[in-house]
Amino acid sequence: MRTQKEILNKIEQLSNSSQDFFGFMRSDLVGYLTFKNARPFLNPEVTAKQWDQKPQTYEDIRKEMIDYMGFAWEKANNCRGISAARSMNHYTIWIWLLGDSAVAEMGDLGDYQYYGKDNLVKLCNFLGIDPNGFDDGIRVNSEDE
């Protein structure tokens, strides 16, 4: 699993690249920081008592990925561009948090063709989920195709 320092470095790396233009991935990463490390990214009124750091075990992140899969497929099947892209942002961060072996196994999730459906199939296989229960089998790059 990634250390606090690695997460902070990843946030900085994403801040200096176009890969996370809207800051969605950085926002996801902040949730895994301790209050002390997250403090610079939070609203001033947020207190340590209010901060709810996300659990960062392999099992917790894997469960989060599985629980989110139906939503991600719904957005991809319905050609919901921004929402489907946001799903890929979540999965990119979750895979990175799982560590280098997960990153190596999954490869780049940046290919967004077909609203990320081919990536969702890869993710389902990685997680041991049958993608056929989600995938409508249609591959288009816009609603009008």
Protein backbone atom coordinates (compact mmCIF):
# COMPACT_ATOMS: atom_id res chain seq x y z
CA MET A 1 0.00 0.00 0.00
CA ARG A 2 1.09 3.57 -0.58
CA THR A 3 2.58 5.67 2.18
CA GLN A 4 1.44 9.15 3.14
CA LYS A 5 4.57 10.55 1.48
CA GLU A 6 3.84 8.67 -1.75
CA ILE A 7 0.27 9.98 -1.78
CA LEU A 8 1.48 13.55 -1.23
CA ASN A 9 4.04 13.12 -4.02
CA LYS A 10 1.32 11.78 -6.35
CA ILE A 11 -0.89 14.77 -5.57
CA GLU A 12 2.00 17.08 -6.43
CA GLN A 13 2.76 15.14 -9.61
CA LEU A 14 -0.88 15.37 -10.72
CA SER A 15 -0.94 19.09 -9.89
CA ASN A 16 1.88 19.63 -12.36
CA SER A 17 0.35 17.68 -15.23
CA SER A 18 -2.66 17.84 -17.52
CA GLN A 19 -3.64 14.28 -16.55
CA ASP A 20 -5.92 15.59 -13.77
CA PHE A 21 -7.22 18.82 -15.30
CA PHE A 22 -10.27 19.08 -13.01
CA GLY A 23 -8.49 17.81 -9.88
CA PHE A 24 -10.74 14.77 -9.45
CA MET A 25 -7.90 12.31 -8.85
CA ARG A 26 -6.17 14.66 -6.41
CA SER A 27 -9.43 15.01 -4.52
CA ASP A 28 -9.71 11.21 -4.27
CA LEU A 29 -6.15 10.96 -2.95
CA VAL A 30 -6.71 13.58 -0.24
CA GLY A 31 -9.32 11.28 1.30
CA TYR A 32 -6.59 8.74 2.09
CA LEU A 33 -4.40 11.23 3.94
CA THR A 34 -4.24 11.72 7.68
CA PHE A 35 -5.74 14.98 8.90
CA LYS A 36 -2.27 16.45 9.37
CA ASN A 37 -1.31 15.70 5.77
CA ALA A 38 -4.72 16.59 4.33
CA ARG A 39 -4.95 19.91 6.17
CA PRO A 40 -3.49 22.08 3.35
CA PHE A 41 -6.16 20.74 0.97
CA LEU A 42 -9.17 21.17 3.28
CA ASN A 43 -11.47 24.07 3.98
CA PRO A 44 -10.16 26.05 6.97
CA GLU A 45 -13.19 25.21 9.11
CA VAL A 46 -12.66 21.41 8.92
CA THR A 47 -11.35 20.06 12.23
CA ALA A 48 -9.40 16.91 13.06
CA LYS A 49 -12.49 15.54 14.77
CA GLN A 50 -14.53 16.02 11.59
CA TRP A 51 -11.92 14.48 9.29
CA ASP A 52 -12.83 10.97 8.17
CA GLN A 53 -9.77 9.41 6.58
CA LYS A 54 -10.63 6.57 4.22
CA PRO A 55 -9.33 3.12 5.20
CA GLN A 56 -6.30 2.29 3.11
CA THR A 57 -5.99 -1.48 3.29
CA TYR A 58 -5.89 -3.61 0.16
CA GLU A 59 -9.20 -5.19 1.15
CA ASP A 60 -10.92 -1.85 1.78
CA ILE A 61 -9.85 -0.38 -1.55
CA ARG A 62 -10.74 -3.57 -3.42
CA LYS A 63 -14.22 -3.51 -1.79
CA GLU A 64 -14.65 0.13 -2.80
CA MET A 65 -13.73 -0.80 -6.38
CA ILE A 66 -16.22 -3.67 -6.44
CA ASP A 67 -19.00 -1.61 -4.86
CA TYR A 68 -18.52 1.14 -7.46
CA MET A 69 -18.51 -1.19 -10.48
CA GLY A 70 -22.27 -1.13 -11.13
CA PHE A 71 -22.32 2.67 -11.13
CA ALA A 72 -19.33 2.84 -13.48
CA TRP A 73 -20.97 0.43 -15.94
CA GLU A 74 -24.26 2.34 -15.78
CA LYS A 75 -22.48 5.53 -16.82
CA ALA A 76 -20.53 3.78 -19.60
CA ASN A 77 -23.59 1.92 -20.95
CA ASN A 78 -25.59 5.16 -21.00
CA CYS A 79 -22.81 7.10 -22.78
CA ARG A 80 -22.48 9.54 -19.88
CA GLY A 81 -19.18 11.11 -20.93
CA ILE A 82 -18.08 13.12 -17.91
CA SER A 83 -19.41 10.60 -15.40
CA ALA A 84 -17.81 7.68 -17.23
CA ALA A 85 -14.50 9.57 -17.37
CA ARG A 86 -14.79 10.29 -13.65
CA SER A 87 -15.23 6.56 -13.03
CA MET A 88 -11.93 5.92 -14.81
CA ASN A 89 -10.33 8.59 -12.61
CA HIS A 90 -11.51 6.74 -9.50
CA TYR A 91 -10.23 3.42 -10.77
CA THR A 92 -6.89 4.90 -11.83
CA ILE A 93 -6.34 6.15 -8.28
CA TRP A 94 -7.56 2.96 -6.62
CA ILE A 95 -5.26 0.83 -8.77
CA TRP A 96 -2.36 3.15 -7.98
CA LEU A 97 -3.13 2.96 -4.26
CA LEU A 98 -3.05 -0.85 -4.43
CA GLY A 99 0.59 -0.64 -5.48
CA ASP A 100 3.01 -1.19 -8.32
CA SER A 101 2.02 -4.80 -9.00
CA ALA A 102 -1.62 -3.74 -9.54
CA VAL A 103 -0.48 -0.88 -11.79
CA ALA A 104 1.68 -3.28 -13.80
CA GLU A 105 -1.15 -5.80 -14.12
CA MET A 106 -3.79 -3.26 -15.14
CA GLY A 107 -1.67 -1.01 -17.31
CA ASP A 108 -2.88 2.41 -18.40
CA LEU A 109 -6.55 3.11 -17.77
CA GLY A 110 -6.32 6.37 -19.69
CA ASP A 111 -7.79 4.92 -22.90
CA TYR A 112 -11.31 6.22 -22.85
CA GLN A 113 -12.64 4.65 -26.04
CA TYR A 114 -16.23 3.34 -25.71
CA TYR A 115 -16.70 5.33 -22.48
CA GLY A 116 -14.04 3.19 -20.83
CA LYS A 117 -15.89 -0.11 -21.30
CA ASP A 118 -12.80 -2.09 -22.32
CA ASN A 119 -11.06 -0.81 -19.18
CA LEU A 120 -14.08 -1.80 -17.09
CA VAL A 121 -13.84 -5.33 -18.52
CA LYS A 122 -10.14 -5.41 -17.51
CA LEU A 123 -11.03 -4.13 -14.06
CA CYS A 124 -13.78 -6.72 -13.63
CA ASN A 125 -11.34 -9.46 -14.56
CA PHE A 126 -8.76 -8.04 -12.14
CA LEU A 127 -11.36 -8.03 -9.36
CA GLY A 128 -12.77 -11.46 -10.20
CA ILE A 129 -16.15 -10.11 -11.34
CA ASP A 130 -18.00 -11.32 -14.43
CA PRO A 131 -18.34 -8.22 -16.67
CA ASN A 132 -21.20 -9.82 -18.61
CA GLY A 133 -23.57 -8.97 -15.78
CA PHE A 134 -22.92 -5.26 -16.44
CA ASP A 135 -21.87 -4.88 -20.08
CA ASP A 136 -24.66 -4.20 -22.55
CA GLY A 137 -22.30 -5.29 -25.35
CA ILE A 138 -22.64 -2.05 -27.31
CA ARG A 139 -19.43 -0.24 -28.27
CA VAL A 140 -19.89 3.36 -29.44
CA ASN A 141 -17.99 6.54 -28.82
CA SER A 142 -21.01 8.83 -28.68
CA GLU A 143 -24.74 8.52 -28.12
CA ASP A 144 -25.40 9.34 -31.78
CA GLU A 145 -23.45 6.43 -33.29
